[in-house]
Amino acid sequence: MPSFIETQFPIDPLSAESYKERKANKGQTLTRLGKWWGRKPLILVRASILGMLMPASADSKKDREIFLKILTLDDDGAW
């Protein structure tokens, strides 16, 4: 059975969230603790791991809704 990341991956909401995370001054707490040369945007790491672990089903729309809900990138997660 293929994983979610193999069938689809919502680039637009993840890209927007990653941009916000990277530009936020308070979101860069790790850089104040010391140099970490390979620091990646955290939302992309979480989304990649979840996308690899989450199996894909026949209903791609429902899969996408569940994926975004887990990452709290849906409309309810904003509140």
Protein backbone atom coordinates (compact mmCIF):
# COMPACT_ATOMS: atom_id res chain seq x y z
CA MET A 1 0.00 0.00 0.00
CA PRO A 2 1.49 3.39 -0.95
CA SER A 3 1.98 6.11 1.62
CA PHE A 4 0.31 9.51 1.54
CA ILE A 5 3.50 11.27 0.42
CA GLU A 6 3.75 8.98 -2.62
CA THR A 7 0.25 9.76 -3.86
CA GLN A 8 -0.19 13.43 -2.96
CA PHE A 9 1.45 16.10 -0.82
CA PRO A 10 -0.17 19.52 -0.17
CA ILE A 11 2.66 21.86 -1.10
CA ASP A 12 0.77 25.19 -0.94
CA PRO A 13 -0.32 25.20 2.73
CA LEU A 14 3.01 23.72 3.85
CA SER A 15 4.99 26.28 1.89
CA ALA A 16 3.01 29.17 3.35
CA GLU A 17 3.37 27.83 6.89
CA SER A 18 7.08 27.21 6.42
CA TYR A 19 7.56 30.78 5.19
CA LYS A 20 5.76 32.15 8.26
CA GLU A 21 7.81 29.93 10.55
CA ARG A 22 11.10 30.99 8.96
CA LYS A 23 10.31 34.72 9.11
CA ALA A 24 9.06 34.70 12.71
CA ASN A 25 11.62 36.12 15.13
CA LYS A 26 10.40 34.04 18.04
CA GLY A 27 10.29 30.87 15.94
CA GLN A 28 14.09 30.80 15.73
CA THR A 29 14.79 29.79 19.33
CA LEU A 30 17.26 27.07 18.32
CA THR A 31 19.64 29.57 16.76
CA ARG A 32 20.01 31.39 20.06
CA LEU A 33 20.98 28.19 21.88
CA GLY A 34 23.83 27.45 19.53
CA LYS A 35 24.68 26.87 15.89
CA TRP A 36 22.82 24.06 14.21
CA TRP A 37 24.04 23.88 10.65
CA GLY A 38 21.30 21.66 9.28
CA ARG A 39 18.25 23.42 10.72
CA LYS A 40 15.20 22.86 8.56
CA PRO A 41 11.76 24.43 8.87
CA LEU A 42 9.99 22.31 11.47
CA ILE A 43 6.63 22.14 9.67
CA LEU A 44 8.25 20.51 6.65
CA VAL A 45 9.97 17.89 8.79
CA ARG A 46 6.75 17.04 10.63
CA ALA A 47 4.77 16.93 7.38
CA SER A 48 7.33 14.70 5.67
CA ILE A 49 7.42 12.20 8.53
CA LEU A 50 3.63 12.13 8.80
CA GLY A 51 3.27 11.78 5.02
CA MET A 52 5.62 8.78 5.01
CA LEU A 53 3.84 7.06 7.90
CA MET A 54 0.25 7.76 6.84
CA PRO A 55 -1.16 5.19 4.40
CA ALA A 56 -3.06 6.39 1.35
CA SER A 57 -6.63 5.23 0.79
CA ALA A 58 -8.93 5.37 -2.22
CA ASP A 59 -10.46 8.66 -1.04
CA SER A 60 -7.69 11.23 -1.65
CA LYS A 61 -9.82 14.19 -0.50
CA LYS A 62 -10.45 12.60 2.90
CA ASP A 63 -6.75 11.70 3.20
CA ARG A 64 -5.81 15.33 2.60
CA GLU A 65 -8.34 16.57 5.18
CA ILE A 66 -6.98 14.16 7.80
CA PHE A 67 -3.38 15.10 6.99
CA LEU A 68 -4.05 18.83 7.35
CA LYS A 69 -6.11 18.28 10.50
CA ILE A 70 -3.27 16.36 12.17
CA LEU A 71 -0.84 19.17 11.32
CA THR A 72 -3.46 21.74 12.46
CA LEU A 73 -3.33 23.48 9.09
CA ASP A 74 -7.09 23.16 8.58
CA ASP A 75 -9.61 25.91 9.33
CA ASP A 76 -10.30 24.61 12.86
CA GLY A 77 -6.59 24.48 13.66
CA ALA A 78 -6.24 28.20 13.02
CA TRP A 79 -8.57 28.91 15.94
